[in-house]
Amino acid sequence: MTTPADDLPSAHTATPESFAVPGFDAVVRLVTHSLGVPVVSLVLNSGAAYWFADGNELPAHGPRALHPLLLQAARSLAPHVVLDAFDDERLRGTAVPLAAGPGPMRFFASEPVCTLTGQHIGALCVMGPLPRESLGESEQTALRDAASLIGAGVVLRSYLGRTDPTTQLPHRYAFFDDLRTHLHEGVPHAWVIAIDVAPVQRFNAFVRAMGHVYADELMRTVAARVTQQMPAHTRLYQVGATRFAAVLPDHHMLDDTSWLDDLVARLRWPFDCLGIPLTIQPGVGLLKINADELRGGDPLRLVMNASHAAQQSPRGWAVYNRMQDEQQRQEFLLVTELAAALNEGAELDLHYQPRVDLDSGRCIALEALARWHHPTLGSIPPAHFVALAERAGLMHSFTQWVMERGVSQLAVWRHAGYDIKLSLNVSSTDLGADLVGRLRSVAEQHKVGLDALELEFTESTLMEHSAVTRRHLTAIRDLGAGIAIDDFGTGYSNLAALRQMPATSLKIDQSFVRGMGSSPHDEAIVRSVAELARNMGFRVVVEGVETSNIYESVLAMACDEAQGFHIARPLPSSDVPAWLAGHQGMPSRRAVRWGQ
């Protein structure tokens, strides 16, 4: 009697990734050759089957019905041998199709597969289209040995699936399995600890300098020291390339935190790794979690936030802070949205703040300042999104957008008869050889002379790599564009390097200028810096001029231009022409002299 296909248990043919037993392919080839069979299958007692024809794994074809004989063999502890299916009473009248090739199966043999601990997991089955008179003793031995090898391979697969090969510690999957077990044993909550060995950039520097062998030995050495400092009966896991974790046994971890201080202190001691001493920058994070939070959550992501924050703190350890985590997630989302805004250009805009010449009181330049109006969060402070762009590697695109938008707008104004220049802020990450070509290309595209443009770089940017920086700045100056040293006074300038910079102007940081009204020290700094810069040949610009008193003070100093709210706030591009047309000029140094 034929068994209807719909009544047969089904199995899914899996891909190698879903059941990767080390050495399984080699075992299949040996069995195929030793027994002279074209088809081999590993059938698990769960009903899953993995098929091989002529030693090669068959591609997945979706659900495949298993013949009852195969399922019976998979769930039996005894071997099965069917020399000819047509003569077997159990199979008489039942067509047993082969997994590959035409025609029914005539020969079938199976051997139970058990792990080294005796756990029965299924059967190794061989089959062919031709009947046999017998299954020789050597063939039975070969099939039995192959099943044993597969059983050992399953154990090895389980070991490899839970163990890091470098440190021999159980890894991330094992950590989650054990954490779930811990929380399901009636424990209301658990404390998870993560230990970050070093920031990613620093660890990569170890690898570049010393190689992977050194880095592997370092991780083993750190693991040994961490294990010594862990509370008793605590199992350590390696959950990342440079990260360890553990589930702590004590539910009152913060009652006495001295052991955490000891752990950090021990990790900050130099490590003697292959005879080379090394100091790492550890961070220890703590997270309290219950079973409900584990479902659908990622405790390692949460505790990693704490360990990352701890790396930057003097104490060296920190407890997970939900508000800090939400802020980081918000910043990540903002970065993705900023990238989209740069592509679409709808949410970003440039505002322009006038700069006036103190000798004439006339506006001679505008500084382009980026603005981002987020559709749900409103206006994002420039300092915030520019910093995000720098950290996310978006500054190249951002600077390109600023240059194209700003120079395009300048071309419109100059065509309308406004004789003004444009100043553009450029990040340190963009101060490279390609900036010259990009600047020239944009200027040519919009038919704007490069002498109408000025690029602003912060003081710290210009001082970081003076020799390389000077070459790039010289190339920009050779084009005719101006160069401004922005935020001067907030860094640590080397005057010898400063005098060699091919800059055209120096902008005194607004923090000093704003303080002039209340601090004689700030006024003295502004006066002295302006005098020094003028003597070094720079054109001096003061930012942050917000009151008439400050404006009058800078008129009496060696300053050339002023910029600030007292003159004008940053203006949308649509408001600039009206402001320029209505601007009557500021009090000028020339007028003051004539008045005297």
Protein backbone atom coordinates (compact mmCIF):
# COMPACT_ATOMS: atom_id res chain seq x y z
CA MET A 1 0.00 0.00 0.00
CA THR A 2 1.42 3.35 -1.03
CA THR A 3 1.76 5.99 1.64
CA PRO A 4 0.27 9.35 0.54
CA ALA A 5 2.91 12.04 0.34
CA ASP A 6 0.79 14.40 2.41
CA ASP A 7 0.95 11.99 5.37
CA LEU A 8 4.74 11.82 5.36
CA PRO A 9 6.78 13.84 7.86
CA SER A 10 8.46 16.72 6.08
CA ALA A 11 12.07 17.82 6.25
CA HIS A 12 13.80 20.96 5.04
CA THR A 13 16.95 20.51 3.04
CA ALA A 14 19.40 22.84 4.77
CA THR A 15 22.26 24.83 3.39
CA PRO A 16 25.80 24.12 4.65
CA GLU A 17 25.67 27.23 6.87
CA SER A 18 22.70 25.89 8.81
CA PHE A 19 24.41 22.60 9.73
CA ALA A 20 28.15 22.89 9.23
CA VAL A 21 29.72 19.76 10.72
CA PRO A 22 33.53 19.95 10.46
CA GLY A 23 34.78 17.31 8.03
CA PHE A 24 31.29 16.18 6.98
CA ASP A 25 32.04 16.58 3.26
CA ALA A 26 35.13 14.39 3.57
CA VAL A 27 33.19 11.68 5.44
CA VAL A 28 30.50 11.68 2.75
CA ARG A 29 33.11 11.21 0.02
CA LEU A 30 34.70 8.32 1.91
CA VAL A 31 31.34 6.58 2.39
CA THR A 32 30.36 7.12 -1.24
CA HIS A 33 33.64 5.55 -2.39
CA SER A 34 33.83 2.74 0.19
CA LEU A 35 30.26 1.50 -0.24
CA GLY A 36 29.86 2.38 -3.89
CA VAL A 37 26.62 4.30 -3.33
CA PRO A 38 25.57 7.45 -5.16
CA VAL A 39 23.38 8.97 -2.44
CA VAL A 40 24.21 9.72 1.21
CA SER A 41 21.99 11.54 3.67
CA LEU A 42 22.29 12.63 7.26
CA VAL A 43 18.78 12.41 8.68
CA LEU A 44 18.27 13.93 12.11
CA ASN A 45 15.66 12.60 14.51
CA SER A 46 14.00 16.01 14.33
CA GLY A 47 13.09 15.26 10.71
CA ALA A 48 15.70 17.47 9.06
CA ALA A 49 17.73 15.87 6.26
CA TYR A 50 20.97 16.81 4.48
CA TRP A 51 21.49 15.16 1.09
CA PHE A 52 24.61 14.39 -0.92
CA ALA A 53 24.84 12.87 -4.40
CA ASP A 54 28.15 11.54 -5.71
CA GLY A 55 29.90 13.27 -2.78
CA ASN A 56 28.42 16.72 -3.46
CA GLU A 57 25.78 18.42 -1.40
CA LEU A 58 22.51 18.93 -3.21
CA PRO A 59 21.07 22.45 -3.38
CA ALA A 60 18.06 23.18 -1.24
CA HIS A 61 14.71 22.57 -2.91
CA GLY A 62 12.42 23.63 -0.10
CA PRO A 63 10.42 21.09 1.95
CA ARG A 64 11.00 17.49 0.93
CA ALA A 65 8.88 14.56 2.12
CA LEU A 66 10.80 11.90 4.05
CA HIS A 67 9.95 8.27 3.45
CA PRO A 68 8.90 6.52 6.68
CA LEU A 69 11.93 4.22 6.37
CA LEU A 70 14.29 7.20 6.57
CA LEU A 71 12.47 8.66 9.54
CA GLN A 72 12.37 5.29 11.26
CA ALA A 73 16.13 4.89 10.77
CA ALA A 74 16.76 8.40 12.12
CA ARG A 75 14.83 7.65 15.31
CA SER A 76 16.18 4.14 15.88
CA LEU A 77 19.25 3.11 17.85
CA ALA A 78 19.67 0.03 15.62
CA PRO A 79 21.22 -0.08 12.14
CA HIS A 80 19.00 -0.84 9.14
CA VAL A 81 19.88 -2.75 5.98
CA VAL A 82 17.54 -3.27 3.02
CA LEU A 83 19.30 -5.21 0.25
CA ASP A 84 16.38 -4.98 -2.16
CA ALA A 85 13.38 -2.84 -1.44
CA PHE A 86 11.29 -4.88 -3.87
CA ASP A 87 11.81 -8.05 -1.75
CA ASP A 88 11.31 -6.40 1.66
CA GLU A 89 7.86 -7.00 3.15
CA ARG A 90 7.99 -3.64 4.95
CA LEU A 91 8.41 -1.84 1.66
CA ARG A 92 6.56 -4.11 -0.76
CA GLY A 93 4.31 -1.94 -2.89
CA THR A 94 5.91 1.23 -1.61
CA ALA A 95 8.00 3.28 -3.98
CA VAL A 96 10.95 4.83 -2.20
CA PRO A 97 12.27 7.59 -4.49
CA LEU A 98 15.90 8.56 -4.46
CA ALA A 99 16.83 12.09 -3.50
CA ALA A 100 18.68 12.45 -6.82
CA GLY A 101 18.36 10.74 -10.14
CA PRO A 102 15.51 8.78 -11.75
CA GLY A 103 14.04 5.61 -10.48
CA PRO A 104 13.23 4.19 -7.03
CA MET A 105 15.67 3.18 -4.32
CA ARG A 106 16.52 -0.54 -4.23
CA PHE A 107 19.39 -0.63 -1.70
CA PHE A 108 19.34 1.13 1.68
CA ALA A 109 21.50 0.99 4.83
CA SER A 110 21.72 3.20 7.89
CA GLU A 111 23.82 3.54 11.03
CA PRO A 112 22.77 5.52 14.14
CA VAL A 113 24.69 8.73 14.81
CA CYS A 114 25.44 9.49 18.45
CA THR A 115 27.58 12.14 20.08
CA LEU A 116 30.57 11.30 22.28
CA THR A 117 28.29 11.50 25.32
CA GLY A 118 25.88 8.96 23.80
CA GLN A 119 23.18 11.42 22.72
CA HIS A 120 21.33 9.96 19.73
CA ILE A 121 20.83 12.62 17.06
CA GLY A 122 19.86 10.70 13.90
CA ALA A 123 21.22 8.31 11.30
CA LEU A 124 23.71 8.24 8.44
CA CYS A 125 21.88 6.72 5.48
CA VAL A 126 23.27 5.37 2.20
CA MET A 127 21.20 4.27 -0.77
CA GLY A 128 21.39 3.24 -4.39
CA PRO A 129 19.22 2.25 -7.35
CA LEU A 130 20.60 -1.33 -7.63
CA PRO A 131 19.86 -4.25 -5.26
CA ARG A 132 22.63 -6.10 -3.43
CA GLU A 133 23.16 -9.64 -2.29
CA SER A 134 24.89 -8.61 0.94
CA LEU A 135 26.55 -5.78 2.85
CA GLY A 136 30.09 -6.89 3.57
CA GLU A 137 31.68 -6.70 7.00
CA SER A 138 34.21 -4.13 5.81
CA GLU A 139 31.38 -2.04 4.36
CA GLN A 140 29.45 -2.22 7.63
CA THR A 141 32.58 -1.14 9.48
CA ALA A 142 33.10 1.76 7.09
CA LEU A 143 29.51 2.93 7.60
CA ARG A 144 29.81 2.54 11.39
CA ASP A 145 33.10 4.49 11.45
CA ALA A 146 31.63 7.25 9.29
CA ALA A 147 28.68 7.61 11.68
CA SER A 148 31.11 7.83 14.61
CA LEU A 149 33.10 10.54 12.84
CA ILE A 150 29.94 12.52 12.19
CA GLY A 151 28.95 12.19 15.85
CA ALA A 152 32.34 13.54 16.87
CA GLY A 153 31.97 16.29 14.29
CA VAL A 154 28.66 17.34 15.81
CA VAL A 155 30.38 17.70 19.17
CA LEU A 156 33.20 19.67 17.53
CA ARG A 157 30.63 21.87 15.80
CA SER A 158 29.00 22.56 19.13
CA TYR A 159 32.41 23.35 20.65
CA LEU A 160 33.40 25.67 17.84
CA GLY A 161 30.00 27.28 17.98
CA ARG A 162 30.58 28.29 21.59
CA THR A 163 34.33 28.79 21.90
CA ASP A 164 36.67 31.54 20.74
CA PRO A 165 39.69 29.89 19.06
CA THR A 166 42.19 32.46 20.38
CA THR A 167 41.39 32.62 24.08
CA GLN A 168 39.50 29.29 24.30
CA LEU A 169 36.78 31.18 26.16
CA PRO A 170 33.11 30.59 25.35
CA HIS A 171 31.97 33.34 23.02
CA ARG A 172 28.91 35.47 22.33
CA TYR A 173 26.39 32.74 21.49
CA ALA A 174 27.36 30.82 24.60
CA PHE A 175 27.03 34.00 26.64
CA PHE A 176 23.44 34.50 25.50
CA ASP A 177 22.56 30.84 26.04
CA ASP A 178 23.91 30.88 29.58
CA LEU A 179 22.33 34.26 30.39
CA ARG A 180 18.92 32.97 29.31
CA THR A 181 19.40 29.85 31.42
CA HIS A 182 20.46 31.98 34.38
CA LEU A 183 17.36 34.19 34.16
CA HIS A 184 15.02 31.24 33.64
CA GLU A 185 16.09 29.60 36.88
CA GLY A 186 13.88 31.82 38.99
CA VAL A 187 16.46 34.59 39.31
CA PRO A 188 14.66 37.97 39.17
CA HIS A 189 17.53 39.79 37.50
CA ALA A 190 21.22 39.54 36.67
CA TRP A 191 24.18 41.87 36.53
CA VAL A 192 26.11 41.74 33.27
CA ILE A 193 29.66 43.07 33.09
CA ALA A 194 31.62 43.96 29.94
CA ILE A 195 35.34 44.67 29.79
CA ASP A 196 36.64 46.56 26.76
CA VAL A 197 40.38 46.03 26.45
CA ALA A 198 41.16 49.16 24.42
CA PRO A 199 39.48 51.59 22.03
CA VAL A 200 39.26 50.14 18.53
CA GLN A 201 41.73 52.60 17.02
CA ARG A 202 44.28 51.91 19.73
CA PHE A 203 43.93 48.15 19.41
CA ASN A 204 44.31 48.40 15.64
CA ALA A 205 47.50 50.36 16.28
CA PHE A 206 48.76 47.39 18.33
CA VAL A 207 48.04 45.09 15.39
CA ARG A 208 49.69 47.39 12.84
CA ALA A 209 52.80 47.79 14.97
CA MET A 210 53.20 44.26 16.35
CA GLY A 211 51.03 41.93 14.27
CA HIS A 212 48.13 39.58 14.99
CA VAL A 213 50.23 37.09 17.00
CA TYR A 214 51.03 39.83 19.50
CA ALA A 215 47.39 40.96 19.60
CA ASP A 216 46.19 37.39 20.20
CA GLU A 217 48.70 36.92 23.02
CA LEU A 218 47.59 40.22 24.53
CA MET A 219 43.95 39.07 24.58
CA ARG A 220 44.94 35.79 26.25
CA THR A 221 47.00 37.66 28.85
CA VAL A 222 44.22 40.13 29.57
CA ALA A 223 41.70 37.28 29.84
CA ALA A 224 43.87 35.56 32.43
CA ARG A 225 44.16 38.73 34.52
CA VAL A 226 40.43 39.46 34.29
CA THR A 227 39.60 35.89 35.35
CA GLN A 228 41.77 36.27 38.46
CA GLN A 229 39.84 39.40 39.48
CA MET A 230 36.33 38.10 38.80
CA PRO A 231 34.12 36.99 41.72
CA ALA A 232 34.22 33.28 42.49
CA HIS A 233 32.27 30.94 40.17
CA THR A 234 32.06 33.60 37.45
CA ARG A 235 32.48 32.41 33.88
CA LEU A 236 34.23 34.75 31.44
CA TYR A 237 33.18 34.99 27.78
CA GLN A 238 34.83 36.63 24.79
CA VAL A 239 31.99 38.48 23.10
CA GLY A 240 33.97 40.63 20.65
CA ALA A 241 37.42 41.06 19.16
CA THR A 242 38.48 43.24 22.12
CA ARG A 243 35.66 42.65 24.59
CA PHE A 244 34.96 40.19 27.41
CA ALA A 245 31.72 39.74 29.35
CA ALA A 246 30.38 37.79 32.30
CA VAL A 247 27.17 37.19 34.20
CA LEU A 248 27.86 38.13 37.81
CA PRO A 249 26.51 35.93 40.61
CA ASP A 250 25.87 38.69 43.16
CA HIS A 251 22.58 40.61 42.94
CA HIS A 252 23.95 43.48 45.01
CA MET A 253 26.94 44.46 42.93
CA LEU A 254 26.87 48.15 43.81
CA ASP A 255 26.80 47.66 47.59
CA ASP A 256 30.58 47.37 47.56
CA THR A 257 32.34 48.60 44.43
CA SER A 258 35.88 48.24 45.71
CA TRP A 259 36.40 45.08 43.65
CA LEU A 260 35.58 47.08 40.51
CA ASP A 261 38.20 49.65 41.45
CA ASP A 262 40.67 46.79 42.01
CA LEU A 263 39.77 45.26 38.62
CA VAL A 264 40.37 48.53 36.78
CA ALA A 265 43.62 49.13 38.68
CA ARG A 266 44.87 45.66 37.77
CA LEU A 267 43.95 46.14 34.11
CA ARG A 268 45.79 49.47 34.03
CA TRP A 269 49.02 47.83 35.14
CA PRO A 270 51.38 47.19 32.19
CA PHE A 271 51.11 43.79 30.50
CA ASP A 272 54.27 41.90 29.63
CA CYS A 273 53.24 40.45 26.30
CA LEU A 274 55.88 38.39 24.44
CA GLY A 275 58.52 40.33 26.32
CA ILE A 276 57.12 43.74 25.33
CA PRO A 277 55.42 45.85 28.03
CA LEU A 278 52.13 47.46 27.06
CA THR A 279 49.56 49.62 28.85
CA ILE A 280 45.98 49.31 27.66
CA GLN A 281 43.00 51.63 28.10
CA PRO A 282 40.31 49.42 29.69
CA GLY A 283 36.67 50.24 30.23
CA VAL A 284 34.38 48.22 32.51
CA GLY A 285 30.61 48.50 32.05
CA LEU A 286 27.78 47.16 34.23
CA LEU A 287 24.15 46.46 33.36
CA LYS A 288 21.26 45.18 35.48
CA ILE A 289 18.82 43.14 33.39
CA ASN A 290 15.76 40.95 33.99
CA ALA A 291 14.18 38.22 31.87
CA ASP A 292 11.60 40.54 30.29
CA GLU A 293 14.31 42.92 29.12
CA LEU A 294 16.30 40.03 27.63
CA ARG A 295 13.44 39.02 25.32
CA GLY A 296 13.90 41.00 22.14
CA GLY A 297 16.70 43.06 23.67
CA ASP A 298 20.45 43.15 23.30
CA PRO A 299 22.15 43.41 26.69
CA LEU A 300 25.61 43.41 25.10
CA ARG A 301 24.78 46.57 23.16
CA LEU A 302 23.56 48.25 26.32
CA VAL A 303 26.49 47.26 28.52
CA MET A 304 28.89 48.18 25.71
CA ASN A 305 27.65 51.76 26.00
CA ALA A 306 28.70 51.72 29.65
CA SER A 307 32.13 50.18 28.97
CA HIS A 308 32.77 52.67 26.17
CA ALA A 309 31.90 55.58 28.47
CA ALA A 310 34.12 54.06 31.17
CA GLN A 311 37.13 54.11 28.85
CA GLN A 312 36.93 57.90 28.83
CA SER A 313 36.48 58.29 32.59
CA PRO A 314 39.16 58.46 35.32
CA ARG A 315 37.33 55.82 37.36
CA GLY A 316 37.43 53.32 34.51
CA TRP A 317 34.06 51.69 35.20
CA ALA A 318 30.48 52.86 34.70
CA VAL A 319 26.90 51.65 35.08
CA TYR A 320 24.64 51.74 32.03
CA ASN A 321 22.92 55.11 31.66
CA ARG A 322 19.69 54.97 29.67
CA MET A 323 19.68 58.71 28.92
CA GLN A 324 23.22 58.52 27.58
CA ASP A 325 22.28 55.51 25.45
CA GLU A 326 19.27 57.29 23.98
CA GLN A 327 21.46 60.28 23.17
CA GLN A 328 23.93 58.05 21.31
CA ARG A 329 21.11 56.35 19.40
CA GLN A 330 19.69 59.76 18.53
CA GLU A 331 23.07 60.87 17.25
CA PHE A 332 23.37 57.74 15.13
CA LEU A 333 19.95 58.39 13.60
CA LEU A 334 20.90 62.03 13.04
CA VAL A 335 24.00 60.95 11.15
CA THR A 336 21.96 58.81 8.77
CA GLU A 337 19.47 61.64 8.30
CA LEU A 338 22.28 64.14 7.73
CA ALA A 339 23.67 61.92 4.98
CA ALA A 340 20.23 61.87 3.36
CA ALA A 341 19.91 65.64 3.76
CA LEU A 342 23.24 66.14 1.97
CA ASN A 343 21.98 64.06 -0.95
CA GLU A 344 18.59 65.74 -1.16
CA GLY A 345 19.60 69.27 -0.11
CA ALA A 346 16.08 70.22 1.03
CA GLU A 347 16.67 70.53 4.79
CA LEU A 348 20.11 72.16 4.65
CA ASP A 349 20.73 75.80 3.93
CA LEU A 350 23.41 78.46 4.21
CA HIS A 351 23.02 81.69 6.13
CA TYR A 352 25.44 84.54 5.58
CA GLN A 353 26.93 86.87 8.22
CA PRO A 354 28.35 90.21 7.02
CA ARG A 355 31.90 91.34 7.74
CA VAL A 356 32.65 95.06 7.65
CA ASP A 357 35.87 96.87 6.91
CA LEU A 358 36.74 99.05 9.92
CA ASP A 359 38.47 101.67 7.82
CA SER A 360 35.39 102.35 5.66
CA GLY A 361 32.54 100.81 7.69
CA ARG A 362 31.39 99.05 4.52
CA CYS A 363 30.44 95.36 4.19
CA ILE A 364 33.12 93.72 2.10
CA ALA A 365 32.54 90.00 2.80
CA LEU A 366 30.05 87.41 3.99
CA GLU A 367 30.78 84.24 5.94
CA ALA A 368 28.70 81.23 4.89
CA LEU A 369 27.29 79.35 7.90
CA ALA A 370 25.49 76.02 7.52
CA ARG A 371 21.99 75.53 8.96
CA TRP A 372 19.97 72.34 9.28
CA HIS A 373 16.23 72.49 9.85
CA HIS A 374 15.20 68.96 10.79
CA PRO A 375 11.57 68.11 9.88
CA THR A 376 10.74 66.87 13.39
CA LEU A 377 13.50 68.18 15.68
CA GLY A 378 13.59 71.70 14.29
CA SER A 379 16.86 73.60 14.06
CA ILE A 380 19.91 71.49 14.90
CA PRO A 381 22.82 73.56 16.29
CA PRO A 382 25.66 73.75 13.75
CA ALA A 383 28.26 72.76 16.33
CA HIS A 384 26.27 69.56 16.90
CA PHE A 385 25.71 68.40 13.34
CA VAL A 386 29.14 69.48 12.08
CA ALA A 387 30.76 67.40 14.85
CA LEU A 388 28.53 64.46 13.88
CA ALA A 389 29.56 64.84 10.24
CA GLU A 390 33.24 64.79 11.22
CA ARG A 391 32.86 61.65 13.34
CA ALA A 392 30.81 59.88 10.66
CA GLY A 393 33.18 60.66 7.78
CA LEU A 394 30.69 62.95 6.03
CA MET A 395 32.84 66.08 5.95
CA HIS A 396 34.04 65.58 2.38
CA SER A 397 30.44 65.58 1.14
CA PHE A 398 29.48 68.35 3.55
CA THR A 399 32.31 70.66 2.46
CA GLN A 400 31.52 69.98 -1.19
CA TRP A 401 27.88 70.91 -0.59
CA VAL A 402 28.90 74.13 1.21
CA MET A 403 31.28 75.13 -1.56
CA GLU A 404 28.81 74.48 -4.37
CA ARG A 405 25.88 76.17 -2.61
CA GLY A 406 27.92 79.15 -1.39
CA VAL A 407 29.83 79.84 -4.62
CA SER A 408 26.65 79.48 -6.66
CA GLN A 409 24.95 82.08 -4.47
CA LEU A 410 27.98 84.41 -4.60
CA ALA A 411 27.86 84.29 -8.39
CA VAL A 412 24.26 85.52 -8.32
CA TRP A 413 25.09 88.43 -6.00
CA ARG A 414 28.19 89.51 -7.89
CA HIS A 415 26.26 89.37 -11.17
CA ALA A 416 23.70 91.68 -9.53
CA GLY A 417 26.48 94.19 -8.84
CA TYR A 418 27.39 93.48 -5.21
CA ASP A 419 31.17 93.66 -4.83
CA ILE A 420 31.58 91.25 -1.94
CA LYS A 421 33.71 88.24 -1.09
CA LEU A 422 32.67 84.94 0.44
CA SER A 423 34.31 83.09 3.32
CA LEU A 424 33.82 79.31 3.65
CA ASN A 425 34.66 77.12 6.65
CA VAL A 426 36.67 73.99 5.86
CA SER A 427 37.25 71.04 8.19
CA SER A 428 40.69 69.62 8.96
CA THR A 429 39.64 66.38 7.24
CA ASP A 430 39.29 68.29 3.95
CA LEU A 431 42.68 69.95 4.04
CA GLY A 432 44.21 67.68 1.44
CA ALA A 433 45.61 67.77 -2.05
CA ASP A 434 42.21 67.25 -3.72
CA LEU A 435 40.77 70.39 -2.08
CA VAL A 436 42.67 72.55 -4.58
CA GLY A 437 41.08 70.80 -7.56
CA ARG A 438 37.62 70.82 -5.99
CA LEU A 439 37.85 74.55 -5.24
CA ARG A 440 39.04 75.39 -8.75
CA SER A 441 36.31 73.25 -10.33
CA VAL A 442 33.49 74.89 -8.35
CA ALA A 443 34.79 78.40 -9.08
CA GLU A 444 35.08 77.69 -12.80
CA GLN A 445 31.63 76.12 -12.91
CA HIS A 446 30.00 79.28 -11.51
CA LYS A 447 32.41 81.72 -13.21
CA VAL A 448 33.59 83.26 -9.93
CA GLY A 449 37.14 84.53 -9.56
CA LEU A 450 39.07 82.66 -6.89
CA ASP A 451 40.23 85.98 -5.46
CA ALA A 452 36.62 86.47 -4.29
CA LEU A 453 36.85 83.41 -2.04
CA GLU A 454 38.42 82.82 1.36
CA LEU A 455 38.74 79.46 3.14
CA GLU A 456 38.66 79.43 6.93
CA PHE A 457 40.62 76.80 8.87
CA THR A 458 40.75 76.60 12.65
CA GLU A 459 43.99 77.42 14.41
CA SER A 460 44.36 73.84 15.67
CA THR A 461 43.94 72.47 12.10
CA LEU A 462 46.72 74.62 10.75
CA MET A 463 49.08 73.72 13.58
CA GLU A 464 48.53 69.94 13.51
CA HIS A 465 50.72 69.07 10.49
CA SER A 466 52.52 72.26 9.66
CA ALA A 467 54.84 71.02 6.87
CA VAL A 468 52.12 69.15 4.96
CA THR A 469 49.60 71.87 5.75
CA ARG A 470 51.82 74.58 4.33
CA ARG A 471 52.08 72.78 0.99
CA HIS A 472 48.31 72.55 0.64
CA LEU A 473 47.77 76.13 1.78
CA THR A 474 50.41 77.39 -0.64
CA ALA A 475 48.61 75.63 -3.50
CA ILE A 476 45.34 77.31 -2.47
CA ARG A 477 47.02 80.72 -2.27
CA ASP A 478 48.57 80.16 -5.70
CA LEU A 479 45.02 79.91 -7.05
CA GLY A 480 44.33 83.38 -5.66
CA ALA A 481 41.96 82.41 -2.83
CA GLY A 482 42.43 83.86 0.64
CA ILE A 483 43.13 81.79 3.76
CA ALA A 484 41.90 82.72 7.24
CA ILE A 485 43.11 81.29 10.56
CA ASP A 486 39.83 80.92 12.46
CA ASP A 487 39.21 80.83 16.24
CA PHE A 488 42.70 82.15 16.93
CA GLY A 489 43.59 82.10 20.62
CA THR A 490 41.83 78.82 21.49
CA GLY A 491 44.71 76.56 20.42
CA TYR A 492 48.40 76.32 21.12
CA SER A 493 50.06 78.13 18.28
CA ASN A 494 53.73 77.80 17.54
CA LEU A 495 54.66 81.33 16.49
CA ALA A 496 57.55 80.06 14.38
CA ALA A 497 55.12 77.84 12.45
CA LEU A 498 52.49 80.58 12.37
CA ARG A 499 54.75 83.06 10.61
CA GLN A 500 55.43 80.49 7.88
CA MET A 501 51.75 79.86 7.18
CA PRO A 502 50.66 81.38 3.85
CA ALA A 503 47.49 82.76 5.45
CA THR A 504 46.03 86.15 4.55
CA SER A 505 43.94 86.88 7.62
CA LEU A 506 43.63 85.93 11.28
CA LYS A 507 40.28 85.82 13.10
CA ILE A 508 40.47 86.44 16.85
CA ASP A 509 38.15 84.04 18.65
CA GLN A 510 34.85 85.56 19.77
CA SER A 511 35.22 84.26 23.33
CA PHE A 512 37.88 86.93 23.94
CA VAL A 513 36.04 89.64 22.02
CA ARG A 514 32.76 89.15 23.90
CA GLY A 515 34.59 89.40 27.21
CA MET A 516 36.15 92.75 26.41
CA GLY A 517 33.31 94.70 28.03
CA SER A 518 33.77 93.07 31.43
CA SER A 519 37.33 91.76 31.45
CA PRO A 520 40.39 94.00 31.02
CA HIS A 521 42.41 90.80 30.53
CA ASP A 522 40.34 89.82 27.47
CA GLU A 523 40.69 93.33 26.07
CA ALA A 524 44.45 93.17 26.59
CA ILE A 525 44.58 89.79 24.83
CA VAL A 526 42.61 91.09 21.83
CA ARG A 527 44.73 94.24 21.62
CA SER A 528 48.02 92.30 21.86
CA VAL A 529 47.02 89.56 19.42
CA ALA A 530 45.77 92.12 16.90
CA GLU A 531 49.04 94.05 17.12
CA LEU A 532 51.09 90.88 16.76
CA ALA A 533 49.05 89.61 13.81
CA ARG A 534 49.19 92.95 12.03
CA ASN A 535 52.97 93.04 12.43
CA MET A 536 53.17 89.51 11.01
CA GLY A 537 51.35 90.65 7.90
CA PHE A 538 47.89 89.18 8.57
CA ARG A 539 44.64 91.00 8.03
CA VAL A 540 42.96 90.97 11.48
CA VAL A 541 39.27 90.08 11.86
CA VAL A 542 37.45 90.22 15.22
CA GLU A 543 34.43 87.94 15.71
CA GLY A 544 31.73 88.24 18.35
CA VAL A 545 31.25 92.03 18.16
CA GLU A 546 27.86 92.17 19.87
CA THR A 547 27.68 95.66 21.39
CA SER A 548 28.45 99.19 20.29
CA ASN A 549 31.03 99.50 23.09
CA ILE A 550 32.96 96.51 21.80
CA TYR A 551 32.75 97.87 18.26
CA GLU A 552 34.14 101.22 19.38
CA SER A 553 36.96 99.45 21.25
CA VAL A 554 38.10 97.44 18.24
CA LEU A 555 38.06 100.59 16.11
CA ALA A 556 40.92 101.82 18.29
CA MET A 557 42.91 98.58 17.85
CA ALA A 558 45.03 97.17 15.04
CA CYS A 559 41.99 95.39 13.59
CA ASP A 560 40.87 95.41 9.96
CA GLU A 561 37.42 93.81 9.97
CA ALA A 562 34.62 93.12 12.46
CA GLN A 563 31.85 90.56 12.53
CA GLY A 564 29.08 89.98 15.06
CA PHE A 565 25.46 90.49 16.08
CA HIS A 566 25.96 94.25 16.54
CA ILE A 567 26.61 94.46 12.81
CA ALA A 568 24.20 91.75 11.64
CA ARG A 569 23.07 88.30 12.54
CA PRO A 570 23.50 85.50 9.98
CA LEU A 571 20.95 86.11 7.21
CA PRO A 572 19.11 83.73 4.88
CA SER A 573 20.28 84.16 1.32
CA SER A 574 16.94 85.76 0.37
CA ASP A 575 17.48 88.55 2.93
CA VAL A 576 21.05 89.43 1.94
CA PRO A 577 20.33 91.70 -1.07
CA ALA A 578 17.91 93.86 0.93
CA TRP A 579 20.39 94.11 3.80
CA LEU A 580 23.24 95.07 1.47
CA ALA A 581 21.08 97.65 -0.31
CA GLY A 582 19.93 99.22 2.93
CA HIS A 583 23.25 99.07 4.75
CA GLN A 584 24.46 102.64 5.36
CA GLY A 585 27.80 101.55 6.73
CA MET A 586 29.09 101.21 10.27
CA PRO A 587 31.09 103.90 12.11
CA SER A 588 34.53 103.74 10.56
CA ARG A 589 38.05 104.37 11.73
CA ARG A 590 38.41 106.91 8.95
CA ALA A 591 35.35 108.83 10.15
CA VAL A 592 36.59 108.78 13.72
CA ARG A 593 39.93 110.22 12.62
CA TRP A 594 38.24 112.95 10.60
CA GLY A 595 36.04 113.78 13.56
CA GLN A 596 39.14 114.34 15.65
